[in-house]
Amino acid sequence: MPGPVTMGRIIAVTELHQASDELDQAIAEARWRSWEAGAGVMIVSYILVAGLVKRGSDTIARQQAALQQQVRDLSCLFD
């Protein structure tokens, strides 16, 4: 024998309506936030990579200067 809820009768029907303007606005805001987040990540990544490249470039410049000084010192010994 079926229980009181499963007797095959419809007990209630409900519908949910939402204005599409609100949904469109929520989608537009979410899209804008995702673009902002993506742009923020790209800017931070660019700054980090630029800093890394600058540090590497500065290291190479210092090493070149030291090597040139050593070459000058050694050249003086042979002159």
Foldseek 3Di string as FASTA:
>chain_A
DDDPVPPPDDDDDDDDDDDVVVVVVVVVVVVVVVVVVVVVVVVVVVVVVVVVVVVVVVVVVVVVVVVVVVVVVVVVVVD
